[in-house]
Amino acid sequence: LEHTSWLQHTDVDVPHFSKDEHSFVKGALHTIDRPYNKMDPWGAIDFLHHQIGTTHVAHHFASNIPHYKAQTATDAIMDSYPDMYLYDPTPIPEALWRVCKGCTAVEKRGDRWVWQNEDIPKQLL
């Protein structure tokens, strides 16, 4: 589950926020829903993990949402924040490789902290 948790909170284009620019909603919306579909064609992992991979953003809005209501909450978040909701259908092994290669250190650019990955060839990200 460590890699799953890491992938829900990290990606090459997800910024970090200083304490002055962070907010609850920004923090919640900068987590990523990721399906297990390529690794889980029958839905067993998703079922056993109570869909936490595909409804993780909702968990950050309200961690007390029961798993059987998480998809409804996720749908509401997608409708309410269509330009900010993060969903990445990249297969988990490929996403894990991209994050391993592109998310090793952050640097400040302007008023944001971003992953220092400009020197990494795009085909590796």
Foldseek 3Di string as FASTA:
>chain_A
DVLLVCQQQDAQFQWDADPVPDDLLSNLLSGEAEDQCVVCVPCPVCVVVLNCNRQVSLCSVPVPDDSVCSVVSSVVCCVVCVPRHHYDHPHSVLRSQRRVQFADDWDDDPNIIGTPRPPPDPVRD
